[in-house]
Amino acid sequence: IGKALRSLKPDIRLVVFSSENSDPPLDEIRPWTLISKPYYLPDVLN
């Protein structure tokens, strides 16, 4: 999904929500931002 979105719009920012505590292996769509689930809405808005 990330690659498809970047092929459409190369400058789109990607934010990944993950329940895991470790960095997911998503090197092919770097740069991206990781947000843990459950999330804190004020952190997302900031």
ModelCIF file with pLDDT and N, C-alpha, C, O atoms, coordinates in Angstrom:
data_MODEL
#
_entry.id   MODEL 
#
_entity.id                         1 
_entity.type                       polymer 
_entity.pdbx_number_of_molecules   1 
#
_entity_poly.entity_id                      1 
_entity_poly.type                           'polypeptide(L)' 
_entity_poly.nstd_linkage                   no 
_entity_poly.nstd_monomer                   no 
_entity_poly.pdbx_seq_one_letter_code       IGKALRSLKPDIRLVVFSSENSDPPLDEIRPWTLISKPYYLPDVLN 
_entity_poly.pdbx_seq_one_letter_code_can   IGKALRSLKPDIRLVVFSSENSDPPLDEIRPWTLISKPYYLPDVLN 
_entity_poly.pdbx_strand_id                 A 
#
loop_
_entity_poly_seq.entity_id 
_entity_poly_seq.num 
_entity_poly_seq.mon_id 
_entity_poly_seq.hetero 
1 1  ILE n 
1 2  GLY n 
1 3  LYS n 
1 4  ALA n 
1 5  LEU n 
1 6  ARG n 
1 7  SER n 
1 8  LEU n 
1 9  LYS n 
1 10 PRO n 
1 11 ASP n 
1 12 ILE n 
1 13 ARG n 
1 14 LEU n 
1 15 VAL n 
1 16 VAL n 
1 17 PHE n 
1 18 SER n 
1 19 SER n 
1 20 GLU n 
1 21 ASN n 
1 22 SER n 
1 23 ASP n 
1 24 PRO n 
1 25 PRO n 
1 26 LEU n 
1 27 ASP n 
1 28 GLU n 
1 29 ILE n 
1 30 ARG n 
1 31 PRO n 
1 32 TRP n 
1 33 THR n 
1 34 LEU n 
1 35 ILE n 
1 36 SER n 
1 37 LYS n 
1 38 PRO n 
1 39 TYR n 
1 40 TYR n 
1 41 LEU n 
1 42 PRO n 
1 43 ASP n 
1 44 VAL n 
1 45 LEU n 
1 46 ASN n 
#
_struct_asym.id          A 
_struct_asym.entity_id   1 
#
loop_
_ma_qa_metric.id 
_ma_qa_metric.mode 
_ma_qa_metric.name 
_ma_qa_metric.software_group_id 
_ma_qa_metric.type 
1 global pLDDT . pLDDT 
2 local  pLDDT . pLDDT 
#
_ma_qa_metric_global.metric_id      1 
_ma_qa_metric_global.metric_value   84.63 
_ma_qa_metric_global.model_id       1 
_ma_qa_metric_global.ordinal_id     1 
#
loop_
_ma_qa_metric_local.label_asym_id 
_ma_qa_metric_local.label_comp_id 
_ma_qa_metric_local.label_seq_id 
_ma_qa_metric_local.metric_id 
_ma_qa_metric_local.metric_value 
_ma_qa_metric_local.model_id 
_ma_qa_metric_local.ordinal_id 
A ILE 1  2 93.00 1 1  
A GLY 2  2 91.00 1 2  
A LYS 3  2 92.00 1 3  
A ALA 4  2 92.00 1 4  
A LEU 5  2 93.00 1 5  
A ARG 6  2 91.00 1 6  
A SER 7  2 91.00 1 7  
A LEU 8  2 90.00 1 8  
A LYS 9  2 90.00 1 9  
A PRO 10 2 90.00 1 10 
A ASP 11 2 90.00 1 11 
A ILE 12 2 90.00 1 12 
A ARG 13 2 91.00 1 13 
A LEU 14 2 92.00 1 14 
A VAL 15 2 91.00 1 15 
A VAL 16 2 90.00 1 16 
A PHE 17 2 90.00 1 17 
A SER 18 2 87.00 1 18 
A SER 19 2 83.00 1 19 
A GLU 20 2 75.00 1 20 
A ASN 21 2 68.00 1 21 
A SER 22 2 62.00 1 22 
A ASP 23 2 67.00 1 23 
A PRO 24 2 70.00 1 24 
A PRO 25 2 73.00 1 25 
A LEU 26 2 79.00 1 26 
A ASP 27 2 72.00 1 27 
A GLU 28 2 77.00 1 28 
A ILE 29 2 81.00 1 29 
A ARG 30 2 79.00 1 30 
A PRO 31 2 78.00 1 31 
A TRP 32 2 81.00 1 32 
A THR 33 2 85.00 1 33 
A LEU 34 2 85.00 1 34 
A ILE 35 2 88.00 1 35 
A SER 36 2 86.00 1 36 
A LYS 37 2 85.00 1 37 
A PRO 38 2 83.00 1 38 
A TYR 39 2 85.00 1 39 
A TYR 40 2 86.00 1 40 
A LEU 41 2 89.00 1 41 
A PRO 42 2 89.00 1 42 
A ASP 43 2 88.00 1 43 
A VAL 44 2 89.00 1 44 
A LEU 45 2 89.00 1 45 
A ASN 46 2 87.00 1 46 
#
loop_
_atom_site.group_PDB 
_atom_site.id 
_atom_site.type_symbol 
_atom_site.label_atom_id 
_atom_site.label_alt_id 
_atom_site.label_comp_id 
_atom_site.label_asym_id 
_atom_site.label_entity_id 
_atom_site.label_seq_id 
_atom_site.pdbx_PDB_ins_code 
_atom_site.Cartn_x 
_atom_site.Cartn_y 
_atom_site.Cartn_z 
_atom_site.occupancy 
_atom_site.B_iso_or_equiv 
_atom_site.pdbx_formal_charge 
_atom_site.auth_seq_id 
_atom_site.auth_comp_id 
_atom_site.auth_asym_id 
_atom_site.auth_atom_id 
_atom_site.pdbx_PDB_model_num 
ATOM 1   N N  . ILE A 1 1  ? 0.842  -1.197 0.000  1.00 93.00 ? 1  ILE A N  1 
ATOM 2   C CA . ILE A 1 1  ? 0.000  0.000  0.000  1.00 93.00 ? 1  ILE A CA 1 
ATOM 3   C C  . ILE A 1 1  ? 0.878  1.248  0.000  1.00 93.00 ? 1  ILE A C  1 
ATOM 4   O O  . ILE A 1 1  ? 0.625  2.191  -0.750 1.00 93.00 ? 1  ILE A O  1 
ATOM 5   N N  . GLY A 1 2  ? 1.902  1.250  0.837  1.00 91.00 ? 2  GLY A N  1 
ATOM 6   C CA . GLY A 1 2  ? 2.822  2.394  0.894  1.00 91.00 ? 2  GLY A CA 1 
ATOM 7   C C  . GLY A 1 2  ? 3.498  2.664  -0.441 1.00 91.00 ? 2  GLY A C  1 
ATOM 8   O O  . GLY A 1 2  ? 3.587  3.814  -0.873 1.00 91.00 ? 2  GLY A O  1 
ATOM 9   N N  . LYS A 1 3  ? 3.979  1.604  -1.101 1.00 92.00 ? 3  LYS A N  1 
ATOM 10  C CA . LYS A 1 3  ? 4.628  1.785  -2.408 1.00 92.00 ? 3  LYS A CA 1 
ATOM 11  C C  . LYS A 1 3  ? 3.634  2.291  -3.448 1.00 92.00 ? 3  LYS A C  1 
ATOM 12  O O  . LYS A 1 3  ? 3.972  3.141  -4.272 1.00 92.00 ? 3  LYS A O  1 
ATOM 13  N N  . ALA A 1 4  ? 2.416  1.774  -3.409 1.00 92.00 ? 4  ALA A N  1 
ATOM 14  C CA . ALA A 1 4  ? 1.400  2.228  -4.366 1.00 92.00 ? 4  ALA A CA 1 
ATOM 15  C C  . ALA A 1 4  ? 1.076  3.708  -4.153 1.00 92.00 ? 4  ALA A C  1 
ATOM 16  O O  . ALA A 1 4  ? 0.940  4.463  -5.115 1.00 92.00 ? 4  ALA A O  1 
ATOM 17  N N  . LEU A 1 5  ? 0.953  4.115  -2.892 1.00 93.00 ? 5  LEU A N  1 
ATOM 18  C CA . LEU A 1 5  ? 0.672  5.526  -2.606 1.00 93.00 ? 5  LEU A CA 1 
ATOM 19  C C  . LEU A 1 5  ? 1.844  6.408  -3.019 1.00 93.00 ? 5  LEU A C  1 
ATOM 20  O O  . LEU A 1 5  ? 1.636  7.497  -3.553 1.00 93.00 ? 5  LEU A O  1 
ATOM 21  N N  . ARG A 1 6  ? 3.074  5.955  -2.779 1.00 91.00 ? 6  ARG A N  1 
ATOM 22  C CA . ARG A 1 6  ? 4.245  6.746  -3.159 1.00 91.00 ? 6  ARG A CA 1 
ATOM 23  C C  . ARG A 1 6  ? 4.425  6.802  -4.671 1.00 91.00 ? 6  ARG A C  1 
ATOM 24  O O  . ARG A 1 6  ? 4.967  7.779  -5.189 1.00 91.00 ? 6  ARG A O  1 
ATOM 25  N N  . SER A 1 7  ? 3.981  5.776  -5.387 1.00 91.00 ? 7  SER A N  1 
ATOM 26  C CA . SER A 1 7  ? 4.076  5.849  -6.850 1.00 91.00 ? 7  SER A CA 1 
ATOM 27  C C  . SER A 1 7  ? 3.106  6.898  -7.385 1.00 91.00 ? 7  SER A C  1 
ATOM 28  O O  . SER A 1 7  ? 3.369  7.541  -8.401 1.00 91.00 ? 7  SER A O  1 
ATOM 29  N N  . LEU A 1 8  ? 1.989  7.063  -6.694 1.00 90.00 ? 8  LEU A N  1 
ATOM 30  C CA . LEU A 1 8  ? 1.006  8.084  -7.063 1.00 90.00 ? 8  LEU A CA 1 
ATOM 31  C C  . LEU A 1 8  ? 1.476  9.471  -6.630 1.00 90.00 ? 8  LEU A C  1 
ATOM 32  O O  . LEU A 1 8  ? 1.417  10.426 -7.404 1.00 90.00 ? 8  LEU A O  1 
ATOM 33  N N  . LYS A 1 9  ? 1.936  9.568  -5.403 1.00 90.00 ? 9  LYS A N  1 
ATOM 34  C CA . LYS A 1 9  ? 2.336  10.856 -4.825 1.00 90.00 ? 9  LYS A CA 1 
ATOM 35  C C  . LYS A 1 9  ? 3.634  10.640 -4.038 1.00 90.00 ? 9  LYS A C  1 
ATOM 36  O O  . LYS A 1 9  ? 3.578  10.254 -2.871 1.00 90.00 ? 9  LYS A O  1 
ATOM 37  N N  . PRO A 1 10 ? 4.793  10.878 -4.647 1.00 90.00 ? 10 PRO A N  1 
ATOM 38  C CA . PRO A 1 10 ? 6.078  10.567 -4.006 1.00 90.00 ? 10 PRO A CA 1 
ATOM 39  C C  . PRO A 1 10 ? 6.319  11.265 -2.675 1.00 90.00 ? 10 PRO A C  1 
ATOM 40  O O  . PRO A 1 10 ? 7.083  10.756 -1.855 1.00 90.00 ? 10 PRO A O  1 
ATOM 41  N N  . ASP A 1 11 ? 5.697  12.406 -2.434 1.00 90.00 ? 11 ASP A N  1 
ATOM 42  C CA . ASP A 1 11 ? 5.957  13.140 -1.193 1.00 90.00 ? 11 ASP A CA 1 
ATOM 43  C C  . ASP A 1 11 ? 4.927  12.864 -0.098 1.00 90.00 ? 11 ASP A C  1 
ATOM 44  O O  . ASP A 1 11 ? 4.921  13.555 0.921  1.00 90.00 ? 11 ASP A O  1 
ATOM 45  N N  . ILE A 1 12 ? 4.056  11.871 -0.284 1.00 90.00 ? 12 ILE A N  1 
ATOM 46  C CA . ILE A 1 12 ? 3.057  11.573 0.738  1.00 90.00 ? 12 ILE A CA 1 
ATOM 47  C C  . ILE A 1 12 ? 3.762  11.070 2.002  1.00 90.00 ? 12 ILE A C  1 
ATOM 48  O O  . ILE A 1 12 ? 4.672  10.245 1.932  1.00 90.00 ? 12 ILE A O  1 
ATOM 49  N N  . ARG A 1 13 ? 3.329  11.579 3.146  1.00 91.00 ? 13 ARG A N  1 
ATOM 50  C CA . ARG A 1 13 ? 3.877  11.128 4.430  1.00 91.00 ? 13 ARG A CA 1 
ATOM 51  C C  . ARG A 1 13 ? 3.146  9.868  4.856  1.00 91.00 ? 13 ARG A C  1 
ATOM 52  O O  . ARG A 1 13 ? 1.922  9.784  4.747  1.00 91.00 ? 13 ARG A O  1 
ATOM 53  N N  . LEU A 1 14 ? 3.892  8.893  5.339  1.00 92.00 ? 14 LEU A N  1 
ATOM 54  C CA . LEU A 1 14 ? 3.312  7.638  5.799  1.00 92.00 ? 14 LEU A CA 1 
ATOM 55  C C  . LEU A 1 14 ? 3.499  7.517  7.308  1.00 92.00 ? 14 LEU A C  1 
ATOM 56  O O  . LEU A 1 14 ? 4.588  7.736  7.839  1.00 92.00 ? 14 LEU A O  1 
ATOM 57  N N  . VAL A 1 15 ? 2.413  7.166  7.979  1.00 91.00 ? 15 VAL A N  1 
ATOM 58  C CA . VAL A 1 15 ? 2.438  6.932  9.419  1.00 91.00 ? 15 VAL A CA 1 
ATOM 59  C C  . VAL A 1 15 ? 1.903  5.528  9.645  1.00 91.00 ? 15 VAL A C  1 
ATOM 60  O O  . VAL A 1 15 ? 0.800  5.201  9.206  1.00 91.00 ? 15 VAL A O  1 
ATOM 61  N N  . VAL A 1 16 ? 2.680  4.701  10.328 1.00 90.00 ? 16 VAL A N  1 
ATOM 62  C CA . VAL A 1 16 ? 2.313  3.308  10.565 1.00 90.00 ? 16 VAL A CA 1 
ATOM 63  C C  . VAL A 1 16 ? 1.865  3.144  12.011 1.00 90.00 ? 16 VAL A C  1 
ATOM 64  O O  . VAL A 1 16 ? 2.592  3.496  12.940 1.00 90.00 ? 16 VAL A O  1 
ATOM 65  N N  . PHE A 1 17 ? 0.664  2.608  12.192 1.00 90.00 ? 17 PHE A N  1 
ATOM 66  C CA . PHE A 1 17 ? 0.165  2.265  13.519 1.00 90.00 ? 17 PHE A CA 1 
ATOM 67  C C  . PHE A 1 17 ? 0.468  0.795  13.764 1.00 90.00 ? 17 PHE A C  1 
ATOM 68  O O  . PHE A 1 17 ? 0.131  -0.058 12.943 1.00 90.00 ? 17 PHE A O  1 
ATOM 69  N N  . SER A 1 18 ? 1.105  0.499  14.895 1.00 87.00 ? 18 SER A N  1 
ATOM 70  C CA . SER A 1 18 ? 1.482  -0.878 15.191 1.00 87.00 ? 18 SER A CA 1 
ATOM 71  C C  . SER A 1 18 ? 1.173  -1.221 16.629 1.00 87.00 ? 18 SER A C  1 
ATOM 72  O O  . SER A 1 18 ? 1.384  -0.411 17.532 1.00 87.00 ? 18 SER A O  1 
ATOM 73  N N  . SER A 1 19 ? 0.667  -2.435 16.840 1.00 83.00 ? 19 SER A N  1 
ATOM 74  C CA . SER A 1 19 ? 0.427  -2.945 18.194 1.00 83.00 ? 19 SER A CA 1 
ATOM 75  C C  . SER A 1 19 ? 1.697  -3.527 18.788 1.00 83.00 ? 19 SER A C  1 
ATOM 76  O O  . SER A 1 19 ? 1.791  -3.694 20.004 1.00 83.00 ? 19 SER A O  1 
ATOM 77  N N  . GLU A 1 20 ? 2.670  -3.835 17.953 1.00 75.00 ? 20 GLU A N  1 
ATOM 78  C CA . GLU A 1 20 ? 3.929  -4.429 18.392 1.00 75.00 ? 20 GLU A CA 1 
ATOM 79  C C  . GLU A 1 20 ? 4.818  -3.367 19.019 1.00 75.00 ? 20 GLU A C  1 
ATOM 80  O O  . GLU A 1 20 ? 4.679  -2.180 18.721 1.00 75.00 ? 20 GLU A O  1 
ATOM 81  N N  . ASN A 1 21 ? 5.727  -3.787 19.883 1.00 68.00 ? 21 ASN A N  1 
ATOM 82  C CA . ASN A 1 21 ? 6.652  -2.865 20.517 1.00 68.00 ? 21 ASN A CA 1 
ATOM 83  C C  . ASN A 1 21 ? 7.938  -2.676 19.730 1.00 68.00 ? 21 ASN A C  1 
ATOM 84  O O  . ASN A 1 21 ? 8.751  -1.816 20.068 1.00 68.00 ? 21 ASN A O  1 
ATOM 85  N N  . SER A 1 22 ? 8.132  -3.471 18.686 1.00 62.00 ? 22 SER A N  1 
ATOM 86  C CA . SER A 1 22 ? 9.371  -3.375 17.925 1.00 62.00 ? 22 SER A CA 1 
ATOM 87  C C  . SER A 1 22 ? 9.121  -2.683 16.586 1.00 62.00 ? 22 SER A C  1 
ATOM 88  O O  . SER A 1 22 ? 7.986  -2.566 16.123 1.00 62.00 ? 22 SER A O  1 
ATOM 89  N N  . ASP A 1 23 ? 10.217 -2.230 15.982 1.00 67.00 ? 23 ASP A N  1 
ATOM 90  C CA . ASP A 1 23 ? 10.150 -1.597 14.669 1.00 67.00 ? 23 ASP A CA 1 
ATOM 91  C C  . ASP A 1 23 ? 9.741  -2.629 13.627 1.00 67.00 ? 23 ASP A C  1 
ATOM 92  O O  . ASP A 1 23 ? 10.410 -3.654 13.500 1.00 67.00 ? 23 ASP A O  1 
ATOM 93  N N  . PRO A 1 24 ? 8.671  -2.396 12.881 1.00 70.00 ? 24 PRO A N  1 
ATOM 94  C CA . PRO A 1 24 ? 8.295  -3.351 11.840 1.00 70.00 ? 24 PRO A CA 1 
ATOM 95  C C  . PRO A 1 24 ? 9.284  -3.291 10.672 1.00 70.00 ? 24 PRO A C  1 
ATOM 96  O O  . PRO A 1 24 ? 9.864  -2.236 10.413 1.00 70.00 ? 24 PRO A O  1 
ATOM 97  N N  . PRO A 1 25 ? 9.482  -4.393 9.975  1.00 73.00 ? 25 PRO A N  1 
ATOM 98  C CA . PRO A 1 25 ? 10.431 -4.421 8.856  1.00 73.00 ? 25 PRO A CA 1 
ATOM 99  C C  . PRO A 1 25 ? 9.832  -3.786 7.597  1.00 73.00 ? 25 PRO A C  1 
ATOM 100 O O  . PRO A 1 25 ? 9.386  -4.495 6.694  1.00 73.00 ? 25 PRO A O  1 
ATOM 101 N N  . LEU A 1 26 ? 9.822  -2.482 7.539  1.00 79.00 ? 26 LEU A N  1 
ATOM 102 C CA . LEU A 1 26 ? 9.201  -1.755 6.431  1.00 79.00 ? 26 LEU A CA 1 
ATOM 103 C C  . LEU A 1 26 ? 10.205 -0.838 5.745  1.00 79.00 ? 26 LEU A C  1 
ATOM 104 O O  . LEU A 1 26 ? 9.872  0.293  5.390  1.00 79.00 ? 26 LEU A O  1 
ATOM 105 N N  . ASP A 1 27 ? 11.427 -1.316 5.559  1.00 72.00 ? 27 ASP A N  1 
ATOM 106 C CA . ASP A 1 27 ? 12.472 -0.485 4.978  1.00 72.00 ? 27 ASP A CA 1 
ATOM 107 C C  . ASP A 1 27 ? 12.132 0.003  3.574  1.00 72.00 ? 27 ASP A C  1 
ATOM 108 O O  . ASP A 1 27 ? 12.547 1.094  3.181  1.00 72.00 ? 27 ASP A O  1 
ATOM 109 N N  . GLU A 1 28 ? 11.387 -0.787 2.820  1.00 77.00 ? 28 GLU A N  1 
ATOM 110 C CA . GLU A 1 28 ? 11.110 -0.423 1.440  1.00 77.00 ? 28 GLU A CA 1 
ATOM 111 C C  . GLU A 1 28 ? 10.196 0.794  1.279  1.00 77.00 ? 28 GLU A C  1 
ATOM 112 O O  . GLU A 1 28 ? 10.084 1.341  0.182  1.00 77.00 ? 28 GLU A O  1 
ATOM 113 N N  . ILE A 1 29 ? 9.545  1.219  2.360  1.00 81.00 ? 29 ILE A N  1 
ATOM 114 C CA . ILE A 1 29 ? 8.688  2.409  2.254  1.00 81.00 ? 29 ILE A CA 1 
ATOM 115 C C  . ILE A 1 29 ? 9.197  3.552  3.131  1.00 81.00 ? 29 ILE A C  1 
ATOM 116 O O  . ILE A 1 29 ? 8.440  4.476  3.429  1.00 81.00 ? 29 ILE A O  1 
ATOM 117 N N  . ARG A 1 30 ? 10.444 3.509  3.544  1.00 79.00 ? 30 ARG A N  1 
ATOM 118 C CA . ARG A 1 30 ? 11.017 4.608  4.340  1.00 79.00 ? 30 ARG A CA 1 
ATOM 119 C C  . ARG A 1 30 ? 10.998 5.873  3.531  1.00 79.00 ? 30 ARG A C  1 
ATOM 120 O O  . ARG A 1 30 ? 11.113 5.791  2.308  1.00 79.00 ? 30 ARG A O  1 
ATOM 121 N N  . PRO A 1 31 ? 10.862 7.023  4.114  1.00 78.00 ? 31 PRO A N  1 
ATOM 122 C CA . PRO A 1 31 ? 10.668 7.283  5.526  1.00 78.00 ? 31 PRO A CA 1 
ATOM 123 C C  . PRO A 1 31 ? 9.215  7.126  5.936  1.00 78.00 ? 31 PRO A C  1 
ATOM 124 O O  . PRO A 1 31 ? 8.305  7.395  5.151  1.00 78.00 ? 31 PRO A O  1 
ATOM 125 N N  . TRP A 1 32 ? 9.005  6.690  7.164  1.00 81.00 ? 32 TRP A N  1 
ATOM 126 C CA . TRP A 1 32 ? 7.679  6.606  7.753  1.00 81.00 ? 32 TRP A CA 1 
ATOM 127 C C  . TRP A 1 32 ? 7.814  6.863  9.242  1.00 81.00 ? 32 TRP A C  1 
ATOM 128 O O  . TRP A 1 32 ? 8.904  6.795  9.809  1.00 81.00 ? 32 TRP A O  1 
ATOM 129 N N  . THR A 1 33 ? 6.688  7.158  9.860  1.00 85.00 ? 33 THR A N  1 
ATOM 130 C CA . THR A 1 33 ? 6.645  7.420  11.289 1.00 85.00 ? 33 THR A CA 1 
ATOM 131 C C  . THR A 1 33 ? 5.863  6.307  11.954 1.00 85.00 ? 33 THR A C  1 
ATOM 132 O O  . THR A 1 33 ? 4.824  5.885  11.446 1.00 85.00 ? 33 THR A O  1 
ATOM 133 N N  . LEU A 1 34 ? 6.353  5.830  13.081 1.00 85.00 ? 34 LEU A N  1 
ATOM 134 C CA . LEU A 1 34 ? 5.686  4.755  13.810 1.00 85.00 ? 34 LEU A CA 1 
ATOM 135 C C  . LEU A 1 34 ? 4.924  5.330  14.997 1.00 85.00 ? 34 LEU A C  1 
ATOM 136 O O  . LEU A 1 34 ? 5.458  6.127  15.768 1.00 85.00 ? 34 LEU A O  1 
ATOM 137 N N  . ILE A 1 35 ? 3.666  4.913  15.130 1.00 88.00 ? 35 ILE A N  1 
ATOM 138 C CA . ILE A 1 35 ? 2.856  5.270  16.288 1.00 88.00 ? 35 ILE A CA 1 
ATOM 139 C C  . ILE A 1 35 ? 2.330  3.970  16.882 1.00 88.00 ? 35 ILE A C  1 
ATOM 140 O O  . ILE A 1 35 ? 1.774  3.128  16.176 1.00 88.00 ? 35 ILE A O  1 
ATOM 141 N N  . SER A 1 36 ? 2.514  3.821  18.183 1.00 86.00 ? 36 SER A N  1 
ATOM 142 C CA . SER A 1 36 ? 2.068  2.603  18.862 1.00 86.00 ? 36 SER A CA 1 
ATOM 143 C C  . SER A 1 36 ? 0.574  2.634  19.122 1.00 86.00 ? 36 SER A C  1 
ATOM 144 O O  . SER A 1 36 ? -0.013 3.683  19.389 1.00 86.00 ? 36 SER A O  1 
ATOM 145 N N  . LYS A 1 37 ? -0.024 1.457  19.038 1.00 85.00 ? 37 LYS A N  1 
ATOM 146 C CA . LYS A 1 37 ? -1.428 1.292  19.418 1.00 85.00 ? 37 LYS A CA 1 
ATOM 147 C C  . LYS A 1 37 ? -1.444 0.637  20.780 1.00 85.00 ? 37 LYS A C  1 
ATOM 148 O O  . LYS A 1 37 ? -0.698 -0.321 20.985 1.00 85.00 ? 37 LYS A O  1 
ATOM 149 N N  . PRO A 1 38 ? -2.234 1.084  21.708 1.00 83.00 ? 38 PRO A N  1 
ATOM 150 C CA . PRO A 1 38 ? -3.145 2.206  21.590 1.00 83.00 ? 38 PRO A CA 1 
ATOM 151 C C  . PRO A 1 38 ? -2.370 3.522  21.542 1.00 83.00 ? 38 PRO A C  1 
ATOM 152 O O  . PRO A 1 38 ? -1.289 3.647  22.118 1.00 83.00 ? 38 PRO A O  1 
ATOM 153 N N  . TYR A 1 39 ? -2.941 4.486  20.851 1.00 85.00 ? 39 TYR A N  1 
ATOM 154 C CA . TYR A 1 39 ? -2.280 5.773  20.652 1.00 85.00 ? 39 TYR A CA 1 
ATOM 155 C C  . TYR A 1 39 ? -2.906 6.824  21.560 1.00 85.00 ? 39 TYR A C  1 
ATOM 156 O O  . TYR A 1 39 ? -3.982 6.623  22.123 1.00 85.00 ? 39 TYR A O  1 
ATOM 157 N N  . TYR A 1 40 ? -2.218 7.930  21.687 1.00 86.00 ? 40 TYR A N  1 
ATOM 158 C CA . TYR A 1 40 ? -2.694 9.070  22.459 1.00 86.00 ? 40 TYR A CA 1 
ATOM 159 C C  . TYR A 1 40 ? -2.959 10.187 21.445 1.00 86.00 ? 40 TYR A C  1 
ATOM 160 O O  . TYR A 1 40 ? -2.024 10.707 20.837 1.00 86.00 ? 40 TYR A O  1 
ATOM 161 N N  . LEU A 1 41 ? -4.228 10.555 21.262 1.00 89.00 ? 41 LEU A N  1 
ATOM 162 C CA . LEU A 1 41 ? -4.616 11.492 20.212 1.00 89.00 ? 41 LEU A CA 1 
ATOM 163 C C  . LEU A 1 41 ? -3.821 12.794 20.222 1.00 89.00 ? 41 LEU A C  1 
ATOM 164 O O  . LEU A 1 41 ? -3.418 13.242 19.149 1.00 89.00 ? 41 LEU A O  1 
ATOM 165 N N  . PRO A 1 42 ? -3.572 13.430 21.368 1.00 89.00 ? 42 PRO A N  1 
ATOM 166 C CA . PRO A 1 42 ? -2.768 14.663 21.331 1.00 89.00 ? 42 PRO A CA 1 
ATOM 167 C C  . PRO A 1 42 ? -1.373 14.460 20.716 1.00 89.00 ? 42 PRO A C  1 
ATOM 168 O O  . PRO A 1 42 ? -0.852 15.361 20.059 1.00 89.00 ? 42 PRO A O  1 
ATOM 169 N N  . ASP A 1 43 ? -0.768 13.280 20.927 1.00 88.00 ? 43 ASP A N  1 
ATOM 170 C CA . ASP A 1 43 ? 0.529  13.007 20.291 1.00 88.00 ? 43 ASP A CA 1 
ATOM 171 C C  . ASP A 1 43 ? 0.391  12.925 18.779 1.00 88.00 ? 43 ASP A C  1 
ATOM 172 O O  . ASP A 1 43 ? 1.244  13.425 18.045 1.00 88.00 ? 43 ASP A O  1 
ATOM 173 N N  . VAL A 1 44 ? -0.685 12.294 18.314 1.00 89.00 ? 44 VAL A N  1 
ATOM 174 C CA . VAL A 1 44 ? -0.924 12.198 16.868 1.00 89.00 ? 44 VAL A CA 1 
ATOM 175 C C  . VAL A 1 44 ? -1.130 13.595 16.287 1.00 89.00 ? 44 VAL A C  1 
ATOM 176 O O  . VAL A 1 44 ? -0.574 13.916 15.237 1.00 89.00 ? 44 VAL A O  1 
ATOM 177 N N  . LEU A 1 45 ? -1.913 14.414 16.950 1.00 89.00 ? 45 LEU A N  1 
ATOM 178 C CA . LEU A 1 45 ? -2.180 15.771 16.460 1.00 89.00 ? 45 LEU A CA 1 
ATOM 179 C C  . LEU A 1 45 ? -0.914 16.627 16.467 1.00 89.00 ? 45 LEU A C  1 
ATOM 180 O O  . LEU A 1 45 ? -0.698 17.412 15.544 1.00 89.00 ? 45 LEU A O  1 
ATOM 181 N N  . ASN A 1 46 ? -0.078 16.485 17.492 1.00 87.00 ? 46 ASN A N  1 
ATOM 182 C CA . ASN A 1 46 ? 1.201  17.208 17.515 1.00 87.00 ? 46 ASN A CA 1 
ATOM 183 C C  . ASN A 1 46 ? 2.092  16.775 16.366 1.00 87.00 ? 46 ASN A C  1 
ATOM 184 O O  . ASN A 1 46 ? 3.207  17.276 16.227 1.00 87.00 ? 46 ASN A O  1 
#
